[in-house]
């Protein structure tokens, strides 16, 4: 969907707040927990219900998607590197627009750098 960076940040904040907005619970309380729980058939544990996750993989030999970020990090991924990254343990929402080619898009480094600044 087309939306401004500010609108995407609001959606990320809404997720960070567990589906609450201005003191009102707009989505069921379990919605975010369900959405950020790894899909049982995915051994990488990197996908929930329409959110990409940074959970530890089932196979302990594999790394998380973003090893330097907290395991509770999850994201909404858009076209060509656009992201809304939510880090509940840091009370952080990061919106990144713009084109990034290739598999390594610099998202992990961007968010890790922001976490370093706010810690």
PDB file of N, CA and C in Angstrom:
ATOM      1  N   UNK A   1       0.836  -1.169   0.000  1.00  0.00           N
ATOM      2  CA  UNK A   1       0.000   0.000   0.000  1.00  0.00           C
ATOM      3  C   UNK A   1       0.883   1.234   0.000  1.00  0.00           C
ATOM      4  N   UNK A   2       0.412   2.285  -0.566  1.00  0.00           N
ATOM      5  CA  UNK A   2       1.141   3.536  -0.584  1.00  0.00           C
ATOM      6  C   UNK A   2       0.802   4.310   0.682  1.00  0.00           C
ATOM      7  N   UNK A   3       1.832   4.732   1.387  1.00  0.00           N
ATOM      8  CA  UNK A   3       1.647   5.520   2.605  1.00  0.00           C
ATOM      9  C   UNK A   3       2.940   6.299   2.845  1.00  0.00           C
ATOM     10  N   UNK A   4       2.844   7.337   3.625  1.00  0.00           N
ATOM     11  CA  UNK A   4       4.033   8.125   3.949  1.00  0.00           C
ATOM     12  C   UNK A   4       4.879   7.376   4.983  1.00  0.00           C
ATOM     13  N   UNK A   5       6.110   7.794   5.124  1.00  0.00           N
ATOM     14  CA  UNK A   5       6.983   7.201   6.154  1.00  0.00           C
ATOM     15  C   UNK A   5       6.364   7.393   7.538  1.00  0.00           C
ATOM     16  N   UNK A   6       5.752   8.528   7.761  1.00  0.00           N
ATOM     17  CA  UNK A   6       5.111   8.791   9.052  1.00  0.00           C
ATOM     18  C   UNK A   6       3.949   7.817   9.305  1.00  0.00           C
ATOM     19  N   UNK A   7       3.157   7.531   8.258  1.00  0.00           N
ATOM     20  CA  UNK A   7       2.062   6.571   8.408  1.00  0.00           C
ATOM     21  C   UNK A   7       2.594   5.172   8.684  1.00  0.00           C
ATOM     22  N   UNK A   8       3.675   4.780   8.004  1.00  0.00           N
ATOM     23  CA  UNK A   8       4.280   3.472   8.270  1.00  0.00           C
ATOM     24  C   UNK A   8       4.819   3.419   9.700  1.00  0.00           C
ATOM     25  N   UNK A   9       5.383   4.519  10.165  1.00  0.00           N
ATOM     26  CA  UNK A   9       5.874   4.563  11.544  1.00  0.00           C
ATOM     27  C   UNK A   9       4.715   4.413  12.529  1.00  0.00           C
ATOM     28  N   UNK A  10       3.590   5.020  12.217  1.00  0.00           N
ATOM     29  CA  UNK A  10       2.408   4.860  13.077  1.00  0.00           C
ATOM     30  C   UNK A  10       1.945   3.403  13.114  1.00  0.00           C
ATOM     31  N   UNK A  11       1.964   2.750  11.971  1.00  0.00           N
ATOM     32  CA  UNK A  11       1.588   1.339  11.935  1.00  0.00           C
ATOM     33  C   UNK A  11       2.577   0.505  12.755  1.00  0.00           C
ATOM     34  N   UNK A  12       3.867   0.810  12.644  1.00  0.00           N
ATOM     35  CA  UNK A  12       4.868   0.125  13.461  1.00  0.00           C
ATOM     36  C   UNK A  12       4.652   0.380  14.946  1.00  0.00           C
ATOM     37  N   UNK A  13       4.321   1.611  15.296  1.00  0.00           N
ATOM     38  CA  UNK A  13       4.042   1.949  16.700  1.00  0.00           C
ATOM     39  C   UNK A  13       2.806   1.208  17.203  1.00  0.00           C
ATOM     40  N   UNK A  14       1.806   1.107  16.360  1.00  0.00           N
ATOM     41  CA  UNK A  14       0.592   0.359  16.687  1.00  0.00           C
ATOM     42  C   UNK A  14       0.943  -1.100  17.008  1.00  0.00           C
ATOM     43  N   UNK A  15       1.823  -1.676  16.214  1.00  0.00           N
ATOM     44  CA  UNK A  15       2.281  -3.052  16.478  1.00  0.00           C
ATOM     45  C   UNK A  15       3.092  -3.111  17.763  1.00  0.00           C
ATOM     46  N   UNK A  16       3.961  -2.140  17.960  1.00  0.00           N
ATOM     47  CA  UNK A  16       4.777  -2.090  19.175  1.00  0.00           C
ATOM     48  C   UNK A  16       3.893  -2.028  20.416  1.00  0.00           C
ATOM     49  N   UNK A  17       2.760  -1.372  20.306  1.00  0.00           N
ATOM     50  CA  UNK A  17       1.826  -1.209  21.423  1.00  0.00           C
ATOM     51  C   UNK A  17       0.826  -2.365  21.517  1.00  0.00           C
ATOM     52  N   UNK A  18       1.074  -3.442  20.769  1.00  0.00           N
ATOM     53  CA  UNK A  18       0.230  -4.625  20.872  1.00  0.00           C
ATOM     54  C   UNK A  18      -1.189  -4.436  20.374  1.00  0.00           C
ATOM     55  N   UNK A  19      -1.379  -3.547  19.387  1.00  0.00           N
ATOM     56  CA  UNK A  19      -2.716  -3.336  18.837  1.00  0.00           C
ATOM     57  C   UNK A  19      -3.534  -2.294  19.586  1.00  0.00           C
ATOM     58  N   UNK A  20      -2.861  -1.513  20.429  1.00  0.00           N
ATOM     59  CA  UNK A  20      -3.549  -0.423  21.146  1.00  0.00           C
ATOM     60  C   UNK A  20      -3.214   0.911  20.494  1.00  0.00           C
ATOM     61  N   UNK A  21      -4.186   1.808  20.531  1.00  0.00           N
ATOM     62  CA  UNK A  21      -3.939   3.168  20.042  1.00  0.00           C
ATOM     63  C   UNK A  21      -4.711   4.142  20.914  1.00  0.00           C
ATOM     64  N   UNK A  22      -4.014   5.123  21.428  1.00  0.00           N
ATOM     65  CA  UNK A  22      -4.591   6.147  22.291  1.00  0.00           C
ATOM     66  C   UNK A  22      -5.417   5.529  23.421  1.00  0.00           C
ATOM     67  N   UNK A  23      -4.833   4.496  24.037  1.00  0.00           N
ATOM     68  CA  UNK A  23      -5.451   3.864  25.182  1.00  0.00           C
ATOM     69  C   UNK A  23      -6.565   2.872  24.875  1.00  0.00           C
ATOM     70  N   UNK A  24      -6.898   2.697  23.612  1.00  0.00           N
ATOM     71  CA  UNK A  24      -7.957   1.754  23.241  1.00  0.00           C
ATOM     72  C   UNK A  24      -7.356   0.523  22.579  1.00  0.00           C
ATOM     73  N   UNK A  25      -7.812  -0.653  22.984  1.00  0.00           N
ATOM     74  CA  UNK A  25      -7.384  -1.901  22.359  1.00  0.00           C
ATOM     75  C   UNK A  25      -8.210  -2.093  21.094  1.00  0.00           C
ATOM     76  N   UNK A  26      -7.592  -1.872  19.927  1.00  0.00           N
ATOM     77  CA  UNK A  26      -8.306  -1.948  18.657  1.00  0.00           C
ATOM     78  C   UNK A  26      -8.270  -3.340  18.040  1.00  0.00           C
ATOM     79  N   UNK A  27      -7.247  -4.121  18.386  1.00  0.00           N
ATOM     80  CA  UNK A  27      -7.149  -5.509  17.941  1.00  0.00           C
ATOM     81  C   UNK A  27      -7.113  -6.405  19.170  1.00  0.00           C
ATOM     82  N   UNK A  28      -7.542  -7.645  19.032  1.00  0.00           N
ATOM     83  CA  UNK A  28      -7.483  -8.545  20.187  1.00  0.00           C
ATOM     84  C   UNK A  28      -6.072  -8.599  20.776  1.00  0.00           C
ATOM     85  N   UNK A  29      -5.992  -8.723  22.076  1.00  0.00           N
ATOM     86  CA  UNK A  29      -4.706  -8.717  22.767  1.00  0.00           C
ATOM     87  C   UNK A  29      -3.736  -9.778  22.302  1.00  0.00           C
ATOM     88  N   UNK A  30      -4.236 -10.919  21.857  1.00  0.00           N
ATOM     89  CA  UNK A  30      -3.368 -12.005  21.403  1.00  0.00           C
ATOM     90  C   UNK A  30      -2.937 -11.856  19.951  1.00  0.00           C
ATOM     91  N   UNK A  31      -3.462 -10.870  19.253  1.00  0.00           N
ATOM     92  CA  UNK A  31      -3.180 -10.734  17.831  1.00  0.00           C
ATOM     93  C   UNK A  31      -1.693 -10.611  17.553  1.00  0.00           C
ATOM     94  N   UNK A  32      -1.000  -9.696  18.233  1.00  0.00           N
ATOM     95  CA  UNK A  32       0.418  -9.495  17.958  1.00  0.00           C
ATOM     96  C   UNK A  32       1.239 -10.702  18.376  1.00  0.00           C
ATOM     97  N   UNK A  33       0.882 -11.326  19.473  1.00  0.00           N
ATOM     98  CA  UNK A  33       1.606 -12.526  19.910  1.00  0.00           C
ATOM     99  C   UNK A  33       1.488 -13.616  18.840  1.00  0.00           C
ATOM    100  N   UNK A  34       0.279 -13.808  18.321  1.00  0.00           N
ATOM    101  CA  UNK A  34       0.081 -14.783  17.246  1.00  0.00           C
ATOM    102  C   UNK A  34       0.886 -14.386  16.004  1.00  0.00           C
ATOM    103  N   UNK A  35       0.816 -13.122  15.631  1.00  0.00           N
ATOM    104  CA  UNK A  35       1.466 -12.647  14.412  1.00  0.00           C
ATOM    105  C   UNK A  35       2.981 -12.753  14.463  1.00  0.00           C
ATOM    106  N   UNK A  36       3.557 -12.710  15.649  1.00  0.00           N
ATOM    107  CA  UNK A  36       5.010 -12.758  15.791  1.00  0.00           C
ATOM    108  C   UNK A  36       5.504 -14.106  16.329  1.00  0.00           C
ATOM    109  N   UNK A  37       4.630 -15.102  16.293  1.00  0.00           N
ATOM    110  CA  UNK A  37       5.016 -16.465  16.649  1.00  0.00           C
ATOM    111  C   UNK A  37       5.426 -17.181  15.375  1.00  0.00           C
ATOM    112  N   UNK A  38       6.601 -17.828  15.361  1.00  0.00           N
ATOM    113  CA  UNK A  38       7.048 -18.501  14.142  1.00  0.00           C
ATOM    114  C   UNK A  38       6.048 -19.546  13.644  1.00  0.00           C
ATOM    115  N   UNK A  39       5.893 -19.591  12.341  1.00  0.00           N
ATOM    116  CA  UNK A  39       5.056 -20.589  11.706  1.00  0.00           C
ATOM    117  C   UNK A  39       5.665 -21.963  11.970  1.00  0.00           C
ATOM    118  N   UNK A  40       4.880 -22.918  12.472  1.00  0.00           N
ATOM    119  CA  UNK A  40       5.433 -24.227  12.863  1.00  0.00           C
ATOM    120  C   UNK A  40       6.133 -24.985  11.738  1.00  0.00           C
ATOM    121  N   UNK A  41       5.754 -24.754  10.488  1.00  0.00           N
ATOM    122  CA  UNK A  41       6.344 -25.494   9.375  1.00  0.00           C
ATOM    123  C   UNK A  41       7.598 -24.840   8.814  1.00  0.00           C
ATOM    124  N   UNK A  42       8.067 -23.766   9.415  1.00  0.00           N
ATOM    125  CA  UNK A  42       9.245 -23.066   8.920  1.00  0.00           C
ATOM    126  C   UNK A  42      10.405 -23.266   9.905  1.00  0.00           C
ATOM    127  N   UNK A  43      11.360 -24.145   9.596  1.00  0.00           N
ATOM    128  CA  UNK A  43      12.448 -24.428  10.535  1.00  0.00           C
ATOM    129  C   UNK A  43      13.371 -23.235  10.787  1.00  0.00           C
ATOM    130  N   UNK A  44      13.362 -22.235   9.907  1.00  0.00           N
ATOM    131  CA  UNK A  44      14.190 -21.048  10.152  1.00  0.00           C
ATOM    132  C   UNK A  44      13.578 -20.135  11.203  1.00  0.00           C
ATOM    133  N   UNK A  45      12.297 -20.338  11.514  1.00  0.00           N
ATOM    134  CA  UNK A  45      11.580 -19.512  12.496  1.00  0.00           C
ATOM    135  C   UNK A  45      11.613 -18.025  12.132  1.00  0.00           C
ATOM    136  N   UNK A  46      11.675 -17.724  10.850  1.00  0.00           N
ATOM    137  CA  UNK A  46      11.792 -16.318  10.455  1.00  0.00           C
ATOM    138  C   UNK A  46      10.518 -15.735   9.847  1.00  0.00           C
ATOM    139  N   UNK A  47       9.394 -16.430  10.015  1.00  0.00           N
ATOM    140  CA  UNK A  47       8.141 -15.903   9.490  1.00  0.00           C
ATOM    141  C   UNK A  47       6.996 -16.244  10.421  1.00  0.00           C
ATOM    142  N   UNK A  48       6.159 -15.249  10.686  1.00  0.00           N
ATOM    143  CA  UNK A  48       4.970 -15.435  11.511  1.00  0.00           C
ATOM    144  C   UNK A  48       3.745 -15.266  10.641  1.00  0.00           C
ATOM    145  N   UNK A  49       2.760 -14.557  11.131  1.00  0.00           N
ATOM    146  CA  UNK A  49       1.547 -14.290  10.360  1.00  0.00           C
ATOM    147  C   UNK A  49       1.700 -12.918   9.699  1.00  0.00           C
ATOM    148  N   UNK A  50       2.328 -12.901   8.551  1.00  0.00           N
ATOM    149  CA  UNK A  50       2.575 -11.694   7.748  1.00  0.00           C
ATOM    150  C   UNK A  50       3.649 -10.783   8.321  1.00  0.00           C
ATOM    151  N   UNK A  51       4.434 -11.260   9.254  1.00  0.00           N
ATOM    152  CA  UNK A  51       5.595 -10.522   9.754  1.00  0.00           C
ATOM    153  C   UNK A  51       6.833 -11.387   9.598  1.00  0.00           C
ATOM    154  N   UNK A  52       7.945 -10.763   9.257  1.00  0.00           N
ATOM    155  CA  UNK A  52       9.235 -11.448   9.231  1.00  0.00           C
ATOM    156  C   UNK A  52       9.837 -11.336  10.623  1.00  0.00           C
ATOM    157  N   UNK A  53      10.392 -12.441  11.107  1.00  0.00           N
ATOM    158  CA  UNK A  53      10.857 -12.525  12.490  1.00  0.00           C
ATOM    159  C   UNK A  53      12.370 -12.698  12.562  1.00  0.00           C
ATOM    160  N   UNK A  54      12.910 -12.407  13.713  1.00  0.00           N
ATOM    161  CA  UNK A  54      14.334 -12.596  13.983  1.00  0.00           C
ATOM    162  C   UNK A  54      14.519 -13.642  15.079  1.00  0.00           C
ATOM    163  N   UNK A  55      13.607 -14.587  15.149  1.00  0.00           N
ATOM    164  CA  UNK A  55      13.644 -15.630  16.184  1.00  0.00           C
ATOM    165  C   UNK A  55      14.788 -16.605  15.909  1.00  0.00           C
ATOM    166  N   UNK A  56      15.225 -17.288  16.962  1.00  0.00           N
ATOM    167  CA  UNK A  56      16.264 -18.305  16.803  1.00  0.00           C
ATOM    168  C   UNK A  56      15.734 -19.459  15.969  1.00  0.00           C
ATOM    169  N   UNK A  57      16.499 -19.930  14.972  1.00  0.00           N
ATOM    170  CA  UNK A  57      16.075 -21.072  14.157  1.00  0.00           C
ATOM    171  C   UNK A  57      15.968 -22.346  14.990  1.00  0.00           C
ATOM    172  N   UNK A  58      15.160 -23.266  14.516  1.00  0.00           N
ATOM    173  CA  UNK A  58      15.016 -24.567  15.171  1.00  0.00           C
ATOM    174  C   UNK A  58      16.368 -25.266  15.202  1.00  0.00           C
ATOM    175  N   UNK A  59      17.092 -25.225  14.094  1.00  0.00           N
ATOM    176  CA  UNK A  59      18.420 -25.816  13.995  1.00  0.00           C
ATOM    177  C   UNK A  59      19.418 -24.866  14.644  1.00  0.00           C
ATOM    178  N   UNK A  60      19.973 -25.274  15.768  1.00  0.00           N
ATOM    179  CA  UNK A  60      20.911 -24.427  16.503  1.00  0.00           C
ATOM    180  C   UNK A  60      22.183 -24.104  15.746  1.00  0.00           C
ATOM    181  N   UNK A  61      22.417 -24.773  14.616  1.00  0.00           N
ATOM    182  CA  UNK A  61      23.608 -24.504  13.801  1.00  0.00           C
ATOM    183  C   UNK A  61      23.409 -23.271  12.905  1.00  0.00           C
ATOM    184  N   UNK A  62      22.164 -22.859  12.733  1.00  0.00           N
ATOM    185  CA  UNK A  62      21.871 -21.694  11.895  1.00  0.00           C
ATOM    186  C   UNK A  62      21.797 -20.437  12.751  1.00  0.00           C
ATOM    187  N   UNK A  63      22.007 -19.298  12.115  1.00  0.00           N
ATOM    188  CA  UNK A  63      21.899 -18.016  12.803  1.00  0.00           C
ATOM    189  C   UNK A  63      20.543 -17.392  12.524  1.00  0.00           C
ATOM    190  N   UNK A  64      20.187 -16.445  13.409  1.00  0.00           N
ATOM    191  CA  UNK A  64      19.000 -15.633  13.149  1.00  0.00           C
ATOM    192  C   UNK A  64      19.231 -14.815  11.883  1.00  0.00           C
ATOM    193  N   UNK A  65      18.158 -14.306  11.337  1.00  0.00           N
ATOM    194  CA  UNK A  65      18.249 -13.469  10.141  1.00  0.00           C
ATOM    195  C   UNK A  65      19.179 -12.285  10.369  1.00  0.00           C
ATOM    196  N   UNK A  66      19.017 -11.608  11.507  1.00  0.00           N
ATOM    197  CA  UNK A  66      19.854 -10.459  11.869  1.00  0.00           C
ATOM    198  C   UNK A  66      20.521 -10.756  13.209  1.00  0.00           C
ATOM    199  N   UNK A  67      21.654 -11.464  13.213  1.00  0.00           N
ATOM    200  CA  UNK A  67      22.277 -11.914  14.469  1.00  0.00           C
ATOM    201  C   UNK A  67      22.614 -10.804  15.460  1.00  0.00           C
ATOM    202  N   UNK A  68      22.900  -9.609  14.974  1.00  0.00           N
ATOM    203  CA  UNK A  68      23.299  -8.537  15.896  1.00  0.00           C
ATOM    204  C   UNK A  68      22.107  -7.793  16.506  1.00  0.00           C
ATOM    205  N   UNK A  69      20.886  -8.151  16.090  1.00  0.00           N
ATOM    206  CA  UNK A  69      19.692  -7.498  16.632  1.00  0.00           C
ATOM    207  C   UNK A  69      19.006  -8.424  17.639  1.00  0.00           C
ATOM    208  N   UNK A  70      18.240  -7.856  18.573  1.00  0.00           N
ATOM    209  CA  UNK A  70      17.532  -8.687  19.550  1.00  0.00           C
ATOM    210  C   UNK A  70      16.603  -9.701  18.876  1.00  0.00           C
ATOM    211  N   UNK A  71      16.426 -10.839  19.523  1.00  0.00           N
ATOM    212  CA  UNK A  71      15.601 -11.926  18.971  1.00  0.00           C
ATOM    213  C   UNK A  71      14.130 -11.533  18.838  1.00  0.00           C
ATOM    214  N   UNK A  72      13.682 -10.500  19.573  1.00  0.00           N
ATOM    215  CA  UNK A  72      12.268 -10.097  19.478  1.00  0.00           C
ATOM    216  C   UNK A  72      11.996  -9.139  18.314  1.00  0.00           C
ATOM    217  N   UNK A  73      13.010  -8.823  17.524  1.00  0.00           N
ATOM    218  CA  UNK A  73      12.853  -7.938  16.374  1.00  0.00           C
ATOM    219  C   UNK A  73      11.956  -8.603  15.328  1.00  0.00           C
ATOM    220  N   UNK A  74      11.053  -7.824  14.761  1.00  0.00           N
ATOM    221  CA  UNK A  74      10.243  -8.308  13.641  1.00  0.00           C
ATOM    222  C   UNK A  74      10.037  -7.165  12.665  1.00  0.00           C
ATOM    223  N   UNK A  75       9.609  -7.508  11.446  1.00  0.00           N
ATOM    224  CA  UNK A  75       9.521  -6.463  10.435  1.00  0.00           C
ATOM    225  C   UNK A  75       8.402  -6.712   9.432  1.00  0.00           C
ATOM    226  N   UNK A  76       8.019  -5.609   8.801  1.00  0.00           N
ATOM    227  CA  UNK A  76       7.162  -5.630   7.630  1.00  0.00           C
ATOM    228  C   UNK A  76       8.082  -5.277   6.468  1.00  0.00           C
ATOM    229  N   UNK A  77       8.154  -6.149   5.482  1.00  0.00           N
ATOM    230  CA  UNK A  77       9.095  -5.963   4.381  1.00  0.00           C
ATOM    231  C   UNK A  77       8.359  -5.566   3.119  1.00  0.00           C
ATOM    232  N   UNK A  78       8.846  -4.515   2.485  1.00  0.00           N
ATOM    233  CA  UNK A  78       8.241  -4.029   1.258  1.00  0.00           C
ATOM    234  C   UNK A  78       9.119  -4.293   0.056  1.00  0.00           C
ATOM    235  N   UNK A  79       8.803  -3.651  -1.011  1.00  0.00           N
ATOM    236  CA  UNK A  79       9.463  -3.836  -2.296  1.00  0.00           C
ATOM    237  C   UNK A  79      10.847  -3.205  -2.299  1.00  0.00           C
ATOM    238  N   UNK A  80      11.848  -3.946  -2.747  1.00  0.00           N
ATOM    239  CA  UNK A  80      13.215  -3.483  -2.960  1.00  0.00           C
ATOM    240  C   UNK A  80      13.852  -2.847  -1.728  1.00  0.00           C
ATOM    241  N   UNK A  81      13.645  -3.461  -0.582  1.00  0.00           N
ATOM    242  CA  UNK A  81      14.357  -3.045   0.615  1.00  0.00           C
ATOM    243  C   UNK A  81      13.619  -2.116   1.550  1.00  0.00           C
ATOM    244  N   UNK A  82      12.388  -1.772   1.246  1.00  0.00           N
ATOM    245  CA  UNK A  82      11.625  -0.928   2.159  1.00  0.00           C
ATOM    246  C   UNK A  82      11.228  -1.760   3.368  1.00  0.00           C
ATOM    247  N   UNK A  83      11.392  -1.190   4.559  1.00  0.00           N
ATOM    248  CA  UNK A  83      11.153  -1.949   5.789  1.00  0.00           C
ATOM    249  C   UNK A  83      10.541  -1.071   6.874  1.00  0.00           C
ATOM    250  N   UNK A  84       9.729  -1.729   7.706  1.00  0.00           N
ATOM    251  CA  UNK A  84       9.345  -1.200   9.000  1.00  0.00           C
ATOM    252  C   UNK A  84       9.840  -2.249   9.983  1.00  0.00           C
ATOM    253  N   UNK A  85      10.819  -1.881  10.792  1.00  0.00           N
ATOM    254  CA  UNK A  85      11.432  -2.805  11.744  1.00  0.00           C
ATOM    255  C   UNK A  85      10.986  -2.408  13.143  1.00  0.00           C
ATOM    256  N   UNK A  86      10.478  -3.383  13.895  1.00  0.00           N
ATOM    257  CA  UNK A  86       9.988  -3.146  15.252  1.00  0.00           C
ATOM    258  C   UNK A  86      10.854  -3.959  16.208  1.00  0.00           C
ATOM    259  N   UNK A  87      11.395  -3.290  17.228  1.00  0.00           N
ATOM    260  CA  UNK A  87      12.231  -3.948  18.234  1.00  0.00           C
ATOM    261  C   UNK A  87      11.596  -3.681  19.596  1.00  0.00           C
ATOM    262  N   UNK A  88      10.691  -4.554  20.042  1.00  0.00           N
ATOM    263  CA  UNK A  88       9.972  -4.315  21.293  1.00  0.00           C
ATOM    264  C   UNK A  88      10.882  -4.117  22.508  1.00  0.00           C
ATOM    265  N   UNK A  89      11.944  -4.889  22.618  1.00  0.00           N
ATOM    266  CA  UNK A  89      12.823  -4.776  23.790  1.00  0.00           C
ATOM    267  C   UNK A  89      13.544  -3.442  23.855  1.00  0.00           C
ATOM    268  N   UNK A  90      13.606  -2.726  22.753  1.00  0.00           N
ATOM    269  CA  UNK A  90      14.240  -1.412  22.717  1.00  0.00           C
ATOM    270  C   UNK A  90      13.220  -0.285  22.567  1.00  0.00           C
ATOM    271  N   UNK A  91      11.917  -0.648  22.510  1.00  0.00           N
ATOM    272  CA  UNK A  91      10.849   0.331  22.292  1.00  0.00           C
ATOM    273  C   UNK A  91      11.153   1.165  21.045  1.00  0.00           C
ATOM    274  N   UNK A  92      11.478   0.463  19.953  1.00  0.00           N
ATOM    275  CA  UNK A  92      12.004   1.116  18.756  1.00  0.00           C
ATOM    276  C   UNK A  92      11.235   0.696  17.509  1.00  0.00           C
ATOM    277  N   UNK A  93      10.916   1.691  16.675  1.00  0.00           N
ATOM    278  CA  UNK A  93      10.350   1.467  15.350  1.00  0.00           C
ATOM    279  C   UNK A  93      11.237   2.210  14.361  1.00  0.00           C
ATOM    280  N   UNK A  94      11.677   1.511  13.319  1.00  0.00           N
ATOM    281  CA  UNK A  94      12.521   2.113  12.291  1.00  0.00           C
ATOM    282  C   UNK A  94      11.832   1.931  10.948  1.00  0.00           C
ATOM    283  N   UNK A  95      11.660   3.028  10.221  1.00  0.00           N
ATOM    284  CA  UNK A  95      11.093   2.991   8.879  1.00  0.00           C
ATOM    285  C   UNK A  95      12.202   3.335   7.915  1.00  0.00           C
ATOM    286  N   UNK A  96      12.380   2.480   6.933  1.00  0.00           N
ATOM    287  CA  UNK A  96      13.430   2.704   5.937  1.00  0.00           C
ATOM    288  C   UNK A  96      12.806   2.595   4.552  1.00  0.00           C
ATOM    289  N   UNK A  97      12.824   3.694   3.799  1.00  0.00           N
ATOM    290  CA  UNK A  97      12.353   3.726   2.417  1.00  0.00           C
ATOM    291  C   UNK A  97      13.570   3.771   1.502  1.00  0.00           C
ATOM    292  N   UNK A  98      13.353   3.540   0.252  1.00  0.00           N
ATOM    293  CA  UNK A  98      14.422   3.668  -0.727  1.00  0.00           C
ATOM    294  C   UNK A  98      14.777   2.324  -1.329  1.00  0.00           C
ATOM    295  N   UNK A  99      15.421   2.382  -2.462  1.00  0.00           N
ATOM    296  CA  UNK A  99      15.809   1.183  -3.187  1.00  0.00           C
ATOM    297  C   UNK A  99      17.132   0.649  -2.660  1.00  0.00           C
ATOM    298  N   UNK A 100      17.185  -0.662  -2.445  1.00  0.00           N
ATOM    299  CA  UNK A 100      18.422  -1.353  -2.113  1.00  0.00           C
ATOM    300  C   UNK A 100      18.451  -2.639  -2.897  1.00  0.00           C
ATOM    301  N   UNK A 101      19.424  -2.800  -3.739  1.00  0.00           N
ATOM    302  CA  UNK A 101      19.546  -4.021  -4.534  1.00  0.00           C
ATOM    303  C   UNK A 101      20.284  -5.105  -3.772  1.00  0.00           C
ATOM    304  N   UNK A 102      20.156  -6.330  -4.231  1.00  0.00           N
ATOM    305  CA  UNK A 102      20.872  -7.456  -3.642  1.00  0.00           C
ATOM    306  C   UNK A 102      20.254  -7.953  -2.352  1.00  0.00           C
ATOM    307  N   UNK A 103      20.822  -9.050  -1.823  1.00  0.00           N
ATOM    308  CA  UNK A 103      20.292  -9.646  -0.597  1.00  0.00           C
ATOM    309  C   UNK A 103      20.651  -8.845   0.639  1.00  0.00           C
ATOM    310  N   UNK A 104      21.856  -8.360   0.720  1.00  0.00           N
ATOM    311  CA  UNK A 104      22.292  -7.571   1.880  1.00  0.00           C
ATOM    312  C   UNK A 104      21.872  -6.132   1.642  1.00  0.00           C
ATOM    313  N   UNK A 105      20.916  -5.673   2.411  1.00  0.00           N
ATOM    314  CA  UNK A 105      20.364  -4.341   2.177  1.00  0.00           C
ATOM    315  C   UNK A 105      20.768  -3.337   3.247  1.00  0.00           C
ATOM    316  N   UNK A 106      21.584  -3.763   4.203  1.00  0.00           N
ATOM    317  CA  UNK A 106      22.058  -2.836   5.220  1.00  0.00           C
ATOM    318  C   UNK A 106      21.085  -2.572   6.352  1.00  0.00           C
ATOM    319  N   UNK A 107      19.976  -3.287   6.389  1.00  0.00           N
ATOM    320  CA  UNK A 107      18.963  -3.054   7.417  1.00  0.00           C
ATOM    321  C   UNK A 107      19.505  -3.401   8.797  1.00  0.00           C
ATOM    322  N   UNK A 108      20.170  -4.543   8.894  1.00  0.00           N
ATOM    323  CA  UNK A 108      20.707  -4.960  10.192  1.00  0.00           C
ATOM    324  C   UNK A 108      21.678  -3.911  10.728  1.00  0.00           C
ATOM    325  N   UNK A 109      22.573  -3.424   9.890  1.00  0.00           N
ATOM    326  CA  UNK A 109      23.544  -2.421  10.330  1.00  0.00           C
ATOM    327  C   UNK A 109      22.868  -1.117  10.710  1.00  0.00           C
ATOM    328  N   UNK A 110      21.855  -0.717   9.952  1.00  0.00           N
ATOM    329  CA  UNK A 110      21.116   0.511  10.257  1.00  0.00           C
ATOM    330  C   UNK A 110      20.466   0.425  11.634  1.00  0.00           C
ATOM    331  N   UNK A 111      19.731  -0.656  11.891  1.00  0.00           N
ATOM    332  CA  UNK A 111      19.023  -0.792  13.155  1.00  0.00           C
ATOM    333  C   UNK A 111      20.011  -0.981  14.304  1.00  0.00           C
ATOM    334  N   UNK A 112      21.059  -1.777  14.102  1.00  0.00           N
ATOM    335  CA  UNK A 112      22.071  -1.970  15.146  1.00  0.00           C
ATOM    336  C   UNK A 112      22.723  -0.638  15.509  1.00  0.00           C
ATOM    337  N   UNK A 113      23.007   0.178  14.504  1.00  0.00           N
ATOM    338  CA  UNK A 113      23.588   1.495  14.762  1.00  0.00           C
ATOM    339  C   UNK A 113      22.651   2.393  15.561  1.00  0.00           C
ATOM    340  N   UNK A 114      21.368   2.354  15.240  1.00  0.00           N
ATOM    341  CA  UNK A 114      20.394   3.144  15.988  1.00  0.00           C
ATOM    342  C   UNK A 114      20.282   2.662  17.435  1.00  0.00           C
ATOM    343  N   UNK A 115      20.311   1.346  17.626  1.00  0.00           N
ATOM    344  CA  UNK A 115      20.273   0.799  18.987  1.00  0.00           C
ATOM    345  C   UNK A 115      21.495   1.259  19.771  1.00  0.00           C
ATOM    346  N   UNK A 116      22.664   1.255  19.145  1.00  0.00           N
ATOM    347  CA  UNK A 116      23.884   1.729  19.822  1.00  0.00           C
ATOM    348  C   UNK A 116      23.746   3.180  20.262  1.00  0.00           C
ATOM    349  N   UNK A 117      23.108   3.988  19.430  1.00  0.00           N
ATOM    350  CA  UNK A 117      22.946   5.408  19.748  1.00  0.00           C
ATOM    351  C   UNK A 117      21.990   5.624  20.911  1.00  0.00           C
ATOM    352  N   UNK A 118      20.916   4.840  20.983  1.00  0.00           N
ATOM    353  CA  UNK A 118      19.913   5.087  22.025  1.00  0.00           C
ATOM    354  C   UNK A 118      20.171   4.352  23.332  1.00  0.00           C
ATOM    355  N   UNK A 119      21.109   3.412  23.329  1.00  0.00           N
ATOM    356  CA  UNK A 119      21.389   2.677  24.577  1.00  0.00           C
ATOM    357  C   UNK A 119      22.137   3.533  25.557  1.00  0.00           C
TER     358      UNK A 119
END
